Amino acid sequence: MTWLYAFMLAAGAPLLLWFVFTGGDSEMEMGGEADGLSEVFTIIPLSSLAFVATFFGATGLVSQWLGTGAIFTLLMAVVVGVLAGALNSAAFAFLRRSEASSEVSDREIEGSIARVSLPMSNERRGRIVLNVAGARTQMTAAPIDPLDDGKLIESGARVIVVRIEGGVALVTRLDPELE
């Protein structure tokens, strides 16, 4: 079992460090299509999986080093890993709900023009970049109107924020005449 704990720590720790030092988002979308794999990361954020793997591996290795039994070590590693992932998800959910600055209300953001930084579709959320109160801000976004099957709002497209629900900007494409 030592190899499993070491592998999980080795796989999770670099991702966790990447999220810490780059400010990576918990809802990071995978680039390109991955045959349904990207859907997994919209349900369980990649940062939460990194927390689970890192804390599972570290707890398992430390427990083994302390000489605890194999079953207790496995159970402890699973519990600590799942708790770490759940706490990470809860923290990012809270941050998404309060993503807009306390100085700027959602109503002030509605009607703003933004640029898409991560593509979005009916099935997955994307990201937008906009200027709010003189500061560049990124938000999770989703199309407000259903898109044709398989269609995306591509990176670089300009959109209008129609409304914000639960910290997610609901957007529609900007009419080319308005650009």
N, C-alpha and C. Protein backbone atom coordinates (compact mmCIF):
# COMPACT_ATOMS: atom_id res chain seq x y z
N MET A 1 0.80 -1.20 0.00
CA MET A 1 0.00 0.00 0.00
C MET A 1 0.85 1.27 0.00
N THR A 2 2.10 1.15 0.43
CA THR A 2 2.96 2.33 0.45
C THR A 2 3.05 2.96 -0.93
N TRP A 3 3.12 2.13 -1.97
CA TRP A 3 3.24 2.65 -3.33
C TRP A 3 2.00 3.47 -3.70
N LEU A 4 0.81 3.05 -3.25
CA LEU A 4 -0.42 3.79 -3.55
C LEU A 4 -0.40 5.16 -2.88
N TYR A 5 -0.03 5.20 -1.61
CA TYR A 5 0.03 6.47 -0.89
C TYR A 5 1.07 7.39 -1.53
N ALA A 6 2.23 6.84 -1.86
CA ALA A 6 3.29 7.64 -2.47
C ALA A 6 2.86 8.16 -3.85
N PHE A 7 2.19 7.32 -4.63
CA PHE A 7 1.72 7.73 -5.95
C PHE A 7 0.71 8.86 -5.84
N MET A 8 -0.26 8.72 -4.93
CA MET A 8 -1.30 9.74 -4.77
C MET A 8 -0.69 11.07 -4.30
N LEU A 9 0.27 11.00 -3.40
CA LEU A 9 0.95 12.21 -2.95
C LEU A 9 1.74 12.84 -4.10
N ALA A 10 2.45 12.01 -4.86
CA ALA A 10 3.25 12.51 -5.98
C ALA A 10 2.37 13.08 -7.09
N ALA A 11 1.17 12.54 -7.28
CA ALA A 11 0.28 13.06 -8.31
C ALA A 11 -0.48 14.30 -7.84
N GLY A 12 -0.89 14.33 -6.59
CA GLY A 12 -1.70 15.43 -6.09
C GLY A 12 -0.93 16.66 -5.68
N ALA A 13 0.24 16.48 -5.05
CA ALA A 13 1.00 17.62 -4.51
C ALA A 13 1.40 18.63 -5.60
N PRO A 14 1.93 18.21 -6.76
CA PRO A 14 2.27 19.21 -7.77
C PRO A 14 1.05 20.00 -8.26
N LEU A 15 -0.08 19.32 -8.43
CA LEU A 15 -1.30 20.02 -8.82
C LEU A 15 -1.72 21.02 -7.75
N LEU A 16 -1.67 20.59 -6.52
CA LEU A 16 -2.04 21.45 -5.40
C LEU A 16 -1.13 22.68 -5.35
N LEU A 17 0.17 22.48 -5.53
CA LEU A 17 1.11 23.60 -5.54
C LEU A 17 0.83 24.53 -6.72
N TRP A 18 0.48 23.95 -7.87
CA TRP A 18 0.15 24.76 -9.04
C TRP A 18 -1.05 25.65 -8.73
N PHE A 19 -2.08 25.08 -8.11
CA PHE A 19 -3.26 25.89 -7.76
C PHE A 19 -2.91 26.99 -6.78
N VAL A 20 -2.05 26.69 -5.80
CA VAL A 20 -1.68 27.67 -4.79
C VAL A 20 -0.89 28.82 -5.40
N PHE A 21 0.11 28.51 -6.24
CA PHE A 21 1.01 29.55 -6.76
C PHE A 21 0.52 30.26 -8.00
N THR A 22 -0.41 29.67 -8.74
CA THR A 22 -0.91 30.34 -9.94
C THR A 22 -2.29 30.91 -9.73
N GLY A 23 -2.89 30.63 -8.60
CA GLY A 23 -4.25 31.10 -8.38
C GLY A 23 -5.23 30.37 -9.26
N GLY A 24 -4.88 29.13 -9.64
CA GLY A 24 -5.75 28.32 -10.50
C GLY A 24 -7.14 28.24 -9.92
N ASP A 25 -8.11 28.15 -10.81
CA ASP A 25 -9.51 28.15 -10.40
C ASP A 25 -9.99 26.74 -10.16
N SER A 26 -10.88 26.61 -9.20
CA SER A 26 -11.41 25.29 -8.89
C SER A 26 -12.28 24.75 -9.99
N GLU A 27 -12.76 25.60 -10.86
CA GLU A 27 -13.61 25.13 -11.93
C GLU A 27 -12.89 25.14 -13.26
N MET A 28 -11.61 24.99 -13.22
CA MET A 28 -10.81 25.02 -14.43
C MET A 28 -11.31 24.00 -15.43
N GLU A 29 -11.56 24.43 -16.65
CA GLU A 29 -12.00 23.52 -17.69
C GLU A 29 -10.78 22.94 -18.39
N MET A 30 -10.90 21.73 -18.81
CA MET A 30 -9.82 21.09 -19.55
C MET A 30 -9.84 21.63 -20.97
N GLY A 31 -8.69 21.92 -21.54
CA GLY A 31 -8.62 22.41 -22.90
C GLY A 31 -8.96 21.30 -23.87
N GLY A 32 -9.77 21.62 -24.87
CA GLY A 32 -10.14 20.62 -25.86
C GLY A 32 -11.16 19.65 -25.33
N GLU A 33 -11.53 18.69 -26.17
CA GLU A 33 -12.52 17.69 -25.79
C GLU A 33 -11.81 16.45 -25.27
N ALA A 34 -12.35 15.89 -24.21
CA ALA A 34 -11.74 14.71 -23.60
C ALA A 34 -12.75 13.59 -23.43
N ASP A 35 -13.72 13.48 -24.37
CA ASP A 35 -14.71 12.41 -24.35
C ASP A 35 -15.38 12.26 -22.99
N GLY A 36 -15.97 13.31 -22.50
CA GLY A 36 -16.70 13.23 -21.24
C GLY A 36 -15.86 13.49 -20.01
N LEU A 37 -14.53 13.48 -20.13
CA LEU A 37 -13.68 13.73 -18.98
C LEU A 37 -13.88 15.14 -18.46
N SER A 38 -14.12 16.10 -19.35
CA SER A 38 -14.34 17.48 -18.90
C SER A 38 -15.60 17.58 -18.06
N GLU A 39 -16.58 16.70 -18.30
CA GLU A 39 -17.80 16.71 -17.50
C GLU A 39 -17.50 16.34 -16.06
N VAL A 40 -16.53 15.46 -15.84
CA VAL A 40 -16.15 15.07 -14.48
C VAL A 40 -15.65 16.29 -13.73
N PHE A 41 -14.86 17.15 -14.39
CA PHE A 41 -14.27 18.30 -13.73
C PHE A 41 -15.28 19.42 -13.51
N THR A 42 -16.46 19.36 -14.14
CA THR A 42 -17.50 20.33 -13.80
C THR A 42 -18.28 19.87 -12.58
N ILE A 43 -18.27 18.57 -12.29
CA ILE A 43 -18.93 18.04 -11.10
C ILE A 43 -17.99 18.08 -9.91
N ILE A 44 -16.78 17.55 -10.08
CA ILE A 44 -15.76 17.56 -9.03
C ILE A 44 -14.59 18.38 -9.56
N PRO A 45 -14.39 19.58 -9.00
CA PRO A 45 -13.31 20.43 -9.50
C PRO A 45 -11.94 19.75 -9.38
N LEU A 46 -11.07 20.05 -10.33
CA LEU A 46 -9.72 19.47 -10.34
C LEU A 46 -8.96 19.81 -9.07
N SER A 47 -9.17 21.01 -8.53
CA SER A 47 -8.46 21.37 -7.29
C SER A 47 -8.91 20.48 -6.13
N SER A 48 -10.17 20.11 -6.09
CA SER A 48 -10.65 19.21 -5.03
C SER A 48 -10.04 17.83 -5.18
N LEU A 49 -9.91 17.36 -6.42
CA LEU A 49 -9.26 16.06 -6.64
C LEU A 49 -7.79 16.12 -6.21
N ALA A 50 -7.14 17.27 -6.44
CA ALA A 50 -5.75 17.43 -6.01
C ALA A 50 -5.67 17.39 -4.48
N PHE A 51 -6.61 18.02 -3.79
CA PHE A 51 -6.63 17.97 -2.33
C PHE A 51 -6.84 16.55 -1.84
N VAL A 52 -7.80 15.83 -2.44
CA VAL A 52 -8.08 14.45 -2.03
C VAL A 52 -6.83 13.60 -2.19
N ALA A 53 -6.20 13.66 -3.37
CA ALA A 53 -5.03 12.83 -3.64
C ALA A 53 -3.87 13.17 -2.70
N THR A 54 -3.60 14.46 -2.53
CA THR A 54 -2.47 14.88 -1.68
C THR A 54 -2.68 14.47 -0.23
N PHE A 55 -3.83 14.76 0.32
CA PHE A 55 -4.07 14.45 1.73
C PHE A 55 -4.25 12.96 1.96
N PHE A 56 -4.82 12.23 0.99
CA PHE A 56 -4.90 10.77 1.09
C PHE A 56 -3.49 10.19 1.16
N GLY A 57 -2.63 10.59 0.22
CA GLY A 57 -1.27 10.06 0.17
C GLY A 57 -0.45 10.43 1.39
N ALA A 58 -0.52 11.71 1.79
CA ALA A 58 0.26 12.16 2.94
C ALA A 58 -0.19 11.47 4.23
N THR A 59 -1.50 11.37 4.42
CA THR A 59 -2.02 10.72 5.62
C THR A 59 -1.64 9.25 5.65
N GLY A 60 -1.73 8.58 4.51
CA GLY A 60 -1.35 7.16 4.45
C GLY A 60 0.11 6.95 4.77
N LEU A 61 0.98 7.77 4.21
CA LEU A 61 2.42 7.62 4.47
C LEU A 61 2.76 7.93 5.93
N VAL A 62 2.18 8.99 6.47
CA VAL A 62 2.45 9.34 7.87
C VAL A 62 1.92 8.26 8.81
N SER A 63 0.73 7.76 8.54
CA SER A 63 0.15 6.70 9.38
C SER A 63 1.00 5.44 9.34
N GLN A 64 1.48 5.08 8.16
CA GLN A 64 2.35 3.91 8.07
C GLN A 64 3.65 4.14 8.82
N TRP A 65 4.20 5.32 8.71
CA TRP A 65 5.44 5.66 9.40
C TRP A 65 5.25 5.57 10.91
N LEU A 66 4.05 5.93 11.38
CA LEU A 66 3.74 5.85 12.81
C LEU A 66 3.45 4.42 13.27
N GLY A 67 3.33 3.50 12.31
CA GLY A 67 3.14 2.09 12.64
C GLY A 67 1.71 1.67 12.91
N THR A 68 0.74 2.40 12.41
CA THR A 68 -0.65 2.00 12.60
C THR A 68 -0.98 0.82 11.69
N GLY A 69 -2.06 0.14 11.97
CA GLY A 69 -2.47 -1.02 11.18
C GLY A 69 -2.88 -0.61 9.77
N ALA A 70 -2.84 -1.56 8.85
CA ALA A 70 -3.11 -1.28 7.43
C ALA A 70 -4.55 -0.80 7.21
N ILE A 71 -5.50 -1.43 7.86
CA ILE A 71 -6.91 -1.04 7.65
C ILE A 71 -7.17 0.34 8.26
N PHE A 72 -6.66 0.58 9.47
CA PHE A 72 -6.81 1.90 10.10
C PHE A 72 -6.16 2.97 9.24
N THR A 73 -4.98 2.68 8.71
CA THR A 73 -4.26 3.64 7.86
C THR A 73 -5.09 3.97 6.62
N LEU A 74 -5.64 2.95 5.97
CA LEU A 74 -6.45 3.16 4.77
C LEU A 74 -7.70 3.98 5.10
N LEU A 75 -8.40 3.62 6.15
CA LEU A 75 -9.60 4.37 6.53
C LEU A 75 -9.28 5.82 6.88
N MET A 76 -8.22 6.02 7.63
CA MET A 76 -7.82 7.37 8.01
C MET A 76 -7.45 8.19 6.77
N ALA A 77 -6.72 7.58 5.85
CA ALA A 77 -6.32 8.29 4.62
C ALA A 77 -7.55 8.67 3.79
N VAL A 78 -8.51 7.76 3.68
CA VAL A 78 -9.73 8.05 2.92
C VAL A 78 -10.51 9.19 3.58
N VAL A 79 -10.71 9.11 4.89
CA VAL A 79 -11.47 10.14 5.60
C VAL A 79 -10.80 11.50 5.48
N VAL A 80 -9.50 11.57 5.73
CA VAL A 80 -8.79 12.86 5.65
C VAL A 80 -8.81 13.39 4.22
N GLY A 81 -8.59 12.53 3.23
CA GLY A 81 -8.61 12.96 1.83
C GLY A 81 -9.96 13.52 1.41
N VAL A 82 -11.03 12.80 1.76
CA VAL A 82 -12.37 13.25 1.39
C VAL A 82 -12.72 14.55 2.12
N LEU A 83 -12.37 14.65 3.40
CA LEU A 83 -12.62 15.90 4.14
C LEU A 83 -11.87 17.08 3.51
N ALA A 84 -10.62 16.87 3.12
CA ALA A 84 -9.84 17.94 2.50
C ALA A 84 -10.48 18.38 1.19
N GLY A 85 -10.91 17.42 0.37
CA GLY A 85 -11.57 17.76 -0.89
C GLY A 85 -12.89 18.48 -0.66
N ALA A 86 -13.66 18.02 0.33
CA ALA A 86 -14.95 18.65 0.62
C ALA A 86 -14.76 20.08 1.14
N LEU A 87 -13.77 20.28 2.00
CA LEU A 87 -13.50 21.64 2.50
C LEU A 87 -13.07 22.57 1.36
N ASN A 88 -12.25 22.06 0.45
CA ASN A 88 -11.84 22.85 -0.70
C ASN A 88 -13.06 23.23 -1.55
N SER A 89 -13.91 22.26 -1.84
CA SER A 89 -15.11 22.55 -2.63
C SER A 89 -16.01 23.56 -1.94
N ALA A 90 -16.19 23.40 -0.64
CA ALA A 90 -17.03 24.33 0.11
C ALA A 90 -16.44 25.74 0.10
N ALA A 91 -15.13 25.85 0.25
CA ALA A 91 -14.48 27.16 0.23
C ALA A 91 -14.65 27.84 -1.12
N PHE A 92 -14.45 27.11 -2.21
CA PHE A 92 -14.60 27.72 -3.53
C PHE A 92 -16.06 28.02 -3.85
N ALA A 93 -16.98 27.22 -3.36
CA ALA A 93 -18.41 27.51 -3.55
C ALA A 93 -18.75 28.83 -2.86
N PHE A 94 -18.24 29.02 -1.65
CA PHE A 94 -18.47 30.28 -0.94
C PHE A 94 -17.86 31.45 -1.72
N LEU A 95 -16.65 31.27 -2.22
CA LEU A 95 -16.00 32.35 -2.97
C LEU A 95 -16.75 32.67 -4.26
N ARG A 96 -17.29 31.65 -4.94
CA ARG A 96 -18.06 31.89 -6.16
C ARG A 96 -19.33 32.68 -5.85
N ARG A 97 -19.98 32.35 -4.73
CA ARG A 97 -21.20 33.07 -4.36
C ARG A 97 -20.90 34.53 -4.05
N SER A 98 -19.73 34.82 -3.55
CA SER A 98 -19.38 36.19 -3.19
C SER A 98 -18.28 36.72 -4.09
N GLU A 99 -18.24 36.23 -5.32
CA GLU A 99 -17.15 36.58 -6.24
C GLU A 99 -17.12 38.07 -6.56
N ALA A 100 -18.29 38.68 -6.69
CA ALA A 100 -18.31 40.11 -6.97
C ALA A 100 -17.88 40.86 -5.71
N SER A 101 -17.15 41.90 -5.92
CA SER A 101 -16.67 42.70 -4.79
C SER A 101 -17.85 43.25 -3.99
N SER A 102 -17.64 43.44 -2.71
CA SER A 102 -18.70 44.00 -1.87
C SER A 102 -18.99 45.44 -2.27
N GLU A 103 -18.05 46.08 -2.97
CA GLU A 103 -18.25 47.45 -3.41
C GLU A 103 -19.07 47.53 -4.69
N VAL A 104 -19.16 46.42 -5.42
CA VAL A 104 -19.87 46.40 -6.69
C VAL A 104 -20.97 45.35 -6.60
N SER A 105 -22.20 45.76 -6.83
CA SER A 105 -23.30 44.81 -6.75
C SER A 105 -23.46 44.06 -8.08
N ASP A 106 -24.16 42.95 -8.02
CA ASP A 106 -24.44 42.18 -9.24
C ASP A 106 -25.17 43.05 -10.26
N ARG A 107 -26.05 43.92 -9.79
CA ARG A 107 -26.82 44.79 -10.68
C ARG A 107 -25.90 45.71 -11.49
N GLU A 108 -24.79 46.13 -10.88
CA GLU A 108 -23.85 47.00 -11.59
C GLU A 108 -23.09 46.24 -12.67
N ILE A 109 -22.92 44.94 -12.48
CA ILE A 109 -22.21 44.12 -13.46
C ILE A 109 -23.12 43.77 -14.63
N GLU A 110 -24.41 43.59 -14.33
CA GLU A 110 -25.37 43.24 -15.38
C GLU A 110 -25.39 44.33 -16.44
N GLY A 111 -25.35 43.91 -17.70
CA GLY A 111 -25.29 44.84 -18.82
C GLY A 111 -23.88 45.15 -19.28
N SER A 112 -22.88 44.69 -18.53
CA SER A 112 -21.48 44.92 -18.90
C SER A 112 -21.09 44.05 -20.09
N ILE A 113 -20.16 44.56 -20.87
CA ILE A 113 -19.61 43.79 -21.99
C ILE A 113 -18.35 43.11 -21.49
N ALA A 114 -18.21 41.83 -21.83
CA ALA A 114 -17.06 41.04 -21.38
C ALA A 114 -16.49 40.26 -22.56
N ARG A 115 -15.28 39.74 -22.35
CA ARG A 115 -14.64 38.88 -23.35
C ARG A 115 -14.53 37.49 -22.75
N VAL A 116 -14.83 36.48 -23.55
CA VAL A 116 -14.78 35.08 -23.10
C VAL A 116 -13.32 34.63 -23.05
N SER A 117 -12.89 34.09 -21.88
CA SER A 117 -11.52 33.59 -21.76
C SER A 117 -11.48 32.06 -21.80
N LEU A 118 -12.52 31.39 -21.36
CA LEU A 118 -12.66 29.94 -21.52
C LEU A 118 -14.00 29.68 -22.18
N PRO A 119 -14.02 28.92 -23.28
CA PRO A 119 -15.27 28.71 -24.02
C PRO A 119 -16.35 28.06 -23.15
N MET A 120 -17.60 28.31 -23.52
CA MET A 120 -18.72 27.75 -22.77
C MET A 120 -19.74 27.18 -23.74
N SER A 121 -20.52 26.24 -23.23
CA SER A 121 -21.58 25.63 -24.02
C SER A 121 -22.76 25.36 -23.10
N ASN A 122 -23.78 24.70 -23.63
CA ASN A 122 -24.94 24.33 -22.81
C ASN A 122 -24.52 23.37 -21.69
N GLU A 123 -23.50 22.56 -21.94
CA GLU A 123 -23.10 21.52 -21.00
C GLU A 123 -22.04 21.96 -19.99
N ARG A 124 -21.28 22.99 -20.30
CA ARG A 124 -20.21 23.38 -19.37
C ARG A 124 -20.07 24.89 -19.29
N ARG A 125 -19.66 25.31 -18.12
CA ARG A 125 -19.45 26.72 -17.88
C ARG A 125 -18.10 27.15 -18.44
N GLY A 126 -17.97 28.43 -18.65
CA GLY A 126 -16.71 29.00 -19.11
C GLY A 126 -16.30 30.14 -18.19
N ARG A 127 -15.42 31.00 -18.67
CA ARG A 127 -14.96 32.15 -17.89
C ARG A 127 -15.04 33.38 -18.78
N ILE A 128 -15.31 34.51 -18.15
CA ILE A 128 -15.29 35.80 -18.85
C ILE A 128 -14.37 36.75 -18.10
N VAL A 129 -13.87 37.74 -18.83
CA VAL A 129 -13.05 38.79 -18.26
C VAL A 129 -13.75 40.11 -18.57
N LEU A 130 -13.92 40.95 -17.53
CA LEU A 130 -14.57 42.23 -17.72
C LEU A 130 -13.97 43.24 -16.77
N ASN A 131 -14.19 44.51 -17.07
CA ASN A 131 -13.73 45.58 -16.18
C ASN A 131 -14.89 45.99 -15.28
N VAL A 132 -14.65 45.91 -13.97
CA VAL A 132 -15.65 46.27 -12.98
C VAL A 132 -15.01 47.28 -12.03
N ALA A 133 -15.61 48.43 -11.94
CA ALA A 133 -15.12 49.50 -11.06
C ALA A 133 -13.63 49.78 -11.32
N GLY A 134 -13.25 49.76 -12.59
CA GLY A 134 -11.88 50.06 -12.96
C GLY A 134 -10.88 48.93 -12.78
N ALA A 135 -11.34 47.77 -12.35
CA ALA A 135 -10.45 46.62 -12.15
C ALA A 135 -10.86 45.47 -13.06
N ARG A 136 -9.87 44.79 -13.58
CA ARG A 136 -10.12 43.62 -14.42
C ARG A 136 -10.58 42.47 -13.53
N THR A 137 -11.71 41.87 -13.85
CA THR A 137 -12.31 40.81 -13.05
C THR A 137 -12.62 39.61 -13.92
N GLN A 138 -12.45 38.42 -13.36
CA GLN A 138 -12.84 37.19 -14.05
C GLN A 138 -14.02 36.59 -13.33
N MET A 139 -14.94 36.02 -14.09
CA MET A 139 -16.12 35.38 -13.51
C MET A 139 -16.42 34.09 -14.25
N THR A 140 -17.01 33.16 -13.53
CA THR A 140 -17.55 31.96 -14.15
C THR A 140 -18.79 32.39 -14.93
N ALA A 141 -18.98 31.82 -16.11
CA ALA A 141 -20.10 32.25 -16.95
C ALA A 141 -20.74 31.06 -17.65
N ALA A 142 -22.00 31.25 -18.04
CA ALA A 142 -22.75 30.25 -18.78
C ALA A 142 -23.68 30.99 -19.74
N PRO A 143 -24.00 30.36 -20.88
CA PRO A 143 -24.94 31.02 -21.80
C PRO A 143 -26.34 31.06 -21.19
N ILE A 144 -27.03 32.19 -21.36
CA ILE A 144 -28.38 32.31 -20.82
C ILE A 144 -29.39 31.64 -21.75
N ASP A 145 -29.13 31.72 -23.05
CA ASP A 145 -30.01 31.09 -24.04
C ASP A 145 -29.39 29.78 -24.50
N PRO A 146 -30.23 28.76 -24.74
CA PRO A 146 -29.68 27.49 -25.25
C PRO A 146 -28.98 27.70 -26.59
N LEU A 147 -27.80 27.09 -26.73
CA LEU A 147 -27.05 27.14 -27.98
C LEU A 147 -27.43 25.92 -28.82
N ASP A 148 -27.24 26.01 -30.13
CA ASP A 148 -27.46 24.84 -30.98
C ASP A 148 -26.55 23.72 -30.51
N ASP A 149 -26.98 22.46 -30.69
CA ASP A 149 -26.19 21.30 -30.24
C ASP A 149 -24.75 21.39 -30.70
N GLY A 150 -23.83 21.22 -29.77
CA GLY A 150 -22.41 21.19 -30.07
C GLY A 150 -21.80 22.58 -30.27
N LYS A 151 -22.58 23.63 -30.19
CA LYS A 151 -22.06 24.97 -30.39
C LYS A 151 -21.42 25.49 -29.12
N LEU A 152 -20.42 26.33 -29.29
CA LEU A 152 -19.71 26.96 -28.18
C LEU A 152 -19.76 28.47 -28.35
N ILE A 153 -19.62 29.17 -27.23
CA ILE A 153 -19.24 30.57 -27.30
C ILE A 153 -17.73 30.54 -27.10
N GLU A 154 -16.99 30.84 -28.16
CA GLU A 154 -15.56 30.62 -28.21
C GLU A 154 -14.78 31.64 -27.40
N SER A 155 -13.52 31.28 -27.08
CA SER A 155 -12.60 32.22 -26.44
C SER A 155 -12.43 33.42 -27.34
N GLY A 156 -12.40 34.59 -26.75
CA GLY A 156 -12.23 35.82 -27.51
C GLY A 156 -13.54 36.47 -27.92
N ALA A 157 -14.67 35.72 -27.88
CA ALA A 157 -15.96 36.28 -28.25
C ALA A 157 -16.37 37.34 -27.23
N ARG A 158 -17.08 38.35 -27.71
CA ARG A 158 -17.58 39.38 -26.80
C ARG A 158 -19.03 39.05 -26.44
N VAL A 159 -19.35 39.19 -25.15
CA VAL A 159 -20.67 38.86 -24.64
C VAL A 159 -21.17 39.97 -23.74
N ILE A 160 -22.47 39.94 -23.47
CA ILE A 160 -23.09 40.88 -22.53
C ILE A 160 -23.57 40.07 -21.33
N VAL A 161 -23.28 40.56 -20.14
CA VAL A 161 -23.76 39.92 -18.91
C VAL A 161 -25.22 40.30 -18.74
N VAL A 162 -26.12 39.31 -18.84
CA VAL A 162 -27.55 39.57 -18.71
C VAL A 162 -27.96 39.63 -17.24
N ARG A 163 -27.52 38.63 -16.47
CA ARG A 163 -27.78 38.63 -15.03
C ARG A 163 -26.78 37.69 -14.36
N ILE A 164 -26.77 37.75 -13.04
CA ILE A 164 -25.87 36.91 -12.26
C ILE A 164 -26.72 36.09 -11.30
N GLU A 165 -26.50 34.78 -11.32
CA GLU A 165 -27.22 33.87 -10.43
C GLU A 165 -26.21 32.99 -9.71
N GLY A 166 -26.19 33.05 -8.41
CA GLY A 166 -25.29 32.21 -7.62
C GLY A 166 -23.82 32.44 -7.95
N GLY A 167 -23.45 33.66 -8.29
CA GLY A 167 -22.07 33.97 -8.61
C GLY A 167 -21.67 33.61 -10.03
N VAL A 168 -22.61 33.13 -10.84
CA VAL A 168 -22.34 32.77 -12.24
C VAL A 168 -22.99 33.81 -13.15
N ALA A 169 -22.19 34.39 -14.04
CA ALA A 169 -22.70 35.36 -14.99
C ALA A 169 -23.41 34.63 -16.13
N LEU A 170 -24.67 34.96 -16.35
CA LEU A 170 -25.41 34.41 -17.48
C LEU A 170 -25.28 35.41 -18.62
N VAL A 171 -24.74 34.95 -19.75
CA VAL A 171 -24.34 35.85 -20.82
C VAL A 171 -25.00 35.47 -22.14
N THR A 172 -25.00 36.45 -23.06
CA THR A 172 -25.42 36.22 -24.44
C THR A 172 -24.42 36.90 -25.34
N ARG A 173 -24.28 36.38 -26.56
CA ARG A 173 -23.34 36.97 -27.51
C ARG A 173 -23.69 38.44 -27.77
N LEU A 174 -22.66 39.24 -27.96
CA LEU A 174 -22.84 40.64 -28.30
C LEU A 174 -23.15 40.72 -29.77
N ASP A 175 -24.20 41.43 -30.11
CA ASP A 175 -24.58 41.63 -31.51
C ASP A 175 -23.43 42.34 -32.22
N PRO A 176 -22.99 41.83 -33.38
CA PRO A 176 -21.86 42.45 -34.08
C PRO A 176 -22.08 43.94 -34.39
N GLU A 177 -23.33 44.37 -34.52
CA GLU A 177 -23.61 45.79 -34.79
C GLU A 177 -23.23 46.67 -33.60
N LEU A 178 -23.21 46.10 -32.40
CA LEU A 178 -22.89 46.89 -31.20
C LEU A 178 -21.40 47.00 -30.96
N GLU A 179 -20.61 46.18 -31.63
CA GLU A 179 -19.15 46.21 -31.38
C GLU A 179 -18.57 47.40 -31.99
